[in-house]
Amino acid sequence: MTYTVLDTQTGLTWQRRVPEERFTWEEAMAYAVQLKLDGGRWRLPTVGELRSIDRKAFPESLPERFWSGTLLINALGYAWGVNFNDGNTGFFDVGNTYRVRCVR
């Protein structure tokens, strides 16, 4: 089983399998930093990076909301994310729990 996916268009390497847990935004940031997968150096993707994911590369991807590392400017307590159920980008309360897919 391959645990990472290289996007040859962007040069980004993605975590293939997402954890079963859901995280608040702060927990998601901490999870990414401590992730040791394939040598570490992981982070949450920007909202643009998260939107760029080719769903064909992640056939098991869950149709749920995923955190980005991008905070909403001028609105404390919100961060951008992508809902992979419908492909929409939105901002979510950082206290809610959603999925995480890390990048480097």
C-alpha atoms as a PDB file:
ATOM      1  CA  MET A   1       0.000   0.000   0.000  1.00  0.00           C
ATOM      2  CA  THR A   2       1.325   3.425  -0.960  1.00  0.00           C
ATOM      3  CA  TYR A   3       0.820   5.947   1.818  1.00  0.00           C
ATOM      4  CA  THR A   4       1.467   9.104  -0.201  1.00  0.00           C
ATOM      5  CA  VAL A   5       0.442  10.498  -3.581  1.00  0.00           C
ATOM      6  CA  LEU A   6       2.639  12.804  -5.671  1.00  0.00           C
ATOM      7  CA  ASP A   7       0.730  15.354  -7.736  1.00  0.00           C
ATOM      8  CA  THR A   8       2.977  15.804 -10.754  1.00  0.00           C
ATOM      9  CA  GLN A   9       1.110  18.971 -11.808  1.00  0.00           C
ATOM     10  CA  THR A  10       1.797  20.849  -8.559  1.00  0.00           C
ATOM     11  CA  GLY A  11       4.764  18.931  -7.136  1.00  0.00           C
ATOM     12  CA  LEU A  12       2.852  18.451  -3.876  1.00  0.00           C
ATOM     13  CA  THR A  13       2.882  15.169  -1.990  1.00  0.00           C
ATOM     14  CA  TRP A  14      -0.386  14.241  -0.295  1.00  0.00           C
ATOM     15  CA  GLN A  15      -1.274  11.880   2.524  1.00  0.00           C
ATOM     16  CA  ARG A  16      -3.251   9.099   0.795  1.00  0.00           C
ATOM     17  CA  ARG A  17      -5.267   7.783   3.738  1.00  0.00           C
ATOM     18  CA  VAL A  18      -6.922  10.158   6.139  1.00  0.00           C
ATOM     19  CA  PRO A  19      -7.230   9.452   9.859  1.00  0.00           C
ATOM     20  CA  GLU A  20     -10.546   8.134  11.114  1.00  0.00           C
ATOM     21  CA  GLU A  21     -10.723  10.899  13.697  1.00  0.00           C
ATOM     22  CA  ARG A  22     -12.176  14.314  13.034  1.00  0.00           C
ATOM     23  CA  PHE A  23     -10.359  17.337  14.431  1.00  0.00           C
ATOM     24  CA  THR A  24     -11.005  20.923  15.426  1.00  0.00           C
ATOM     25  CA  TRP A  25      -8.905  23.316  13.347  1.00  0.00           C
ATOM     26  CA  GLU A  26      -6.244  23.675  16.072  1.00  0.00           C
ATOM     27  CA  GLU A  27      -6.122  19.896  16.559  1.00  0.00           C
ATOM     28  CA  ALA A  28      -5.797  19.489  12.781  1.00  0.00           C
ATOM     29  CA  MET A  29      -2.853  21.903  12.684  1.00  0.00           C
ATOM     30  CA  ALA A  30      -1.165  19.981  15.530  1.00  0.00           C
ATOM     31  CA  TYR A  31      -1.865  16.633  13.838  1.00  0.00           C
ATOM     32  CA  ALA A  32      -0.212  17.781  10.616  1.00  0.00           C
ATOM     33  CA  VAL A  33       2.921  19.044  12.367  1.00  0.00           C
ATOM     34  CA  GLN A  34       3.412  15.819  14.334  1.00  0.00           C
ATOM     35  CA  LEU A  35       2.632  13.449  11.423  1.00  0.00           C
ATOM     36  CA  LYS A  36       5.696  11.203  10.938  1.00  0.00           C
ATOM     37  CA  LEU A  37       4.474   9.546   7.733  1.00  0.00           C
ATOM     38  CA  ASP A  38       7.276   9.053   5.200  1.00  0.00           C
ATOM     39  CA  GLY A  39       9.762  11.307   6.986  1.00  0.00           C
ATOM     40  CA  GLY A  40       7.458  14.043   8.276  1.00  0.00           C
ATOM     41  CA  ARG A  41       7.379  17.755   7.277  1.00  0.00           C
ATOM     42  CA  TRP A  42       3.594  17.700   6.795  1.00  0.00           C
ATOM     43  CA  ARG A  43       1.146  20.605   7.074  1.00  0.00           C
ATOM     44  CA  LEU A  44      -2.466  21.435   6.348  1.00  0.00           C
ATOM     45  CA  PRO A  45      -2.927  22.500   2.726  1.00  0.00           C
ATOM     46  CA  THR A  46      -3.968  26.001   1.743  1.00  0.00           C
ATOM     47  CA  VAL A  47      -7.560  26.214   0.576  1.00  0.00           C
ATOM     48  CA  GLY A  48      -6.331  26.479  -3.031  1.00  0.00           C
ATOM     49  CA  GLU A  49      -4.163  23.381  -2.665  1.00  0.00           C
ATOM     50  CA  LEU A  50      -7.046  21.456  -1.129  1.00  0.00           C
ATOM     51  CA  ARG A  51      -9.330  22.441  -4.020  1.00  0.00           C
ATOM     52  CA  SER A  52      -6.705  21.208  -6.504  1.00  0.00           C
ATOM     53  CA  ILE A  53      -6.950  17.567  -5.427  1.00  0.00           C
ATOM     54  CA  ASP A  54      -7.690  15.186  -8.277  1.00  0.00           C
ATOM     55  CA  ARG A  55     -10.360  12.931  -6.839  1.00  0.00           C
ATOM     56  CA  LYS A  56      -9.237  10.104  -9.157  1.00  0.00           C
ATOM     57  CA  ALA A  57      -6.035   9.870  -7.098  1.00  0.00           C
ATOM     58  CA  PHE A  58      -8.106   9.368  -3.927  1.00  0.00           C
ATOM     59  CA  PRO A  59     -10.918   6.970  -4.882  1.00  0.00           C
ATOM     60  CA  GLU A  60     -11.555   6.131  -1.220  1.00  0.00           C
ATOM     61  CA  SER A  61     -11.879   9.806  -0.294  1.00  0.00           C
ATOM     62  CA  LEU A  62     -14.788  10.509   1.971  1.00  0.00           C
ATOM     63  CA  PRO A  63     -17.518  12.918   0.806  1.00  0.00           C
ATOM     64  CA  GLU A  64     -17.038  15.123   3.873  1.00  0.00           C
ATOM     65  CA  ARG A  65     -15.621  18.475   4.914  1.00  0.00           C
ATOM     66  CA  PHE A  66     -11.838  18.817   5.146  1.00  0.00           C
ATOM     67  CA  TRP A  67      -9.837  21.555   6.858  1.00  0.00           C
ATOM     68  CA  SER A  68      -7.369  23.806   5.103  1.00  0.00           C
ATOM     69  CA  GLY A  69      -4.669  25.718   6.951  1.00  0.00           C
ATOM     70  CA  THR A  70      -6.119  29.021   5.705  1.00  0.00           C
ATOM     71  CA  LEU A  71      -7.833  31.187   8.317  1.00  0.00           C
ATOM     72  CA  LEU A  72     -10.617  33.504   7.236  1.00  0.00           C
ATOM     73  CA  ILE A  73      -9.229  37.049   7.304  1.00  0.00           C
ATOM     74  CA  ASN A  74     -11.124  39.529   9.491  1.00  0.00           C
ATOM     75  CA  ALA A  75     -13.346  36.847  11.018  1.00  0.00           C
ATOM     76  CA  LEU A  76     -11.891  35.333  14.159  1.00  0.00           C
ATOM     77  CA  GLY A  77     -12.793  31.728  14.741  1.00  0.00           C
ATOM     78  CA  TYR A  78     -13.218  30.607  11.130  1.00  0.00           C
ATOM     79  CA  ALA A  79     -11.000  28.730   8.676  1.00  0.00           C
ATOM     80  CA  TRP A  80     -11.489  27.738   5.053  1.00  0.00           C
ATOM     81  CA  GLY A  81     -12.245  24.201   4.060  1.00  0.00           C
ATOM     82  CA  VAL A  82     -13.609  22.127   1.215  1.00  0.00           C
ATOM     83  CA  ASN A  83     -16.718  19.990   1.283  1.00  0.00           C
ATOM     84  CA  PHE A  84     -15.895  16.954  -0.859  1.00  0.00           C
ATOM     85  CA  ASN A  85     -19.549  15.946  -0.916  1.00  0.00           C
ATOM     86  CA  ASP A  86     -20.374  18.778  -3.330  1.00  0.00           C
ATOM     87  CA  GLY A  87     -16.953  20.327  -4.065  1.00  0.00           C
ATOM     88  CA  ASN A  88     -17.845  23.668  -2.497  1.00  0.00           C
ATOM     89  CA  THR A  89     -15.363  25.817  -0.618  1.00  0.00           C
ATOM     90  CA  GLY A  90     -16.541  27.489   2.563  1.00  0.00           C
ATOM     91  CA  PHE A  91     -15.501  28.721   5.944  1.00  0.00           C
ATOM     92  CA  PHE A  92     -16.095  26.657   9.036  1.00  0.00           C
ATOM     93  CA  ASP A  93     -16.099  27.408  12.754  1.00  0.00           C
ATOM     94  CA  VAL A  94     -12.672  26.325  14.082  1.00  0.00           C
ATOM     95  CA  GLY A  95     -14.349  24.607  17.028  1.00  0.00           C
ATOM     96  CA  ASN A  96     -16.183  22.131  14.787  1.00  0.00           C
ATOM     97  CA  THR A  97     -14.559  18.839  13.854  1.00  0.00           C
ATOM     98  CA  TYR A  98     -13.781  17.828  10.289  1.00  0.00           C
ATOM     99  CA  ARG A  99     -11.421  15.578   8.328  1.00  0.00           C
ATOM    100  CA  VAL A 100      -7.754  16.210   7.566  1.00  0.00           C
ATOM    101  CA  ARG A 101      -5.582  15.371   4.554  1.00  0.00           C
ATOM    102  CA  CYS A 102      -2.004  16.618   4.962  1.00  0.00           C
ATOM    103  CA  VAL A 103       0.379  17.857   2.282  1.00  0.00           C
ATOM    104  CA  ARG A 104       4.028  18.731   1.874  1.00  0.00           C
END
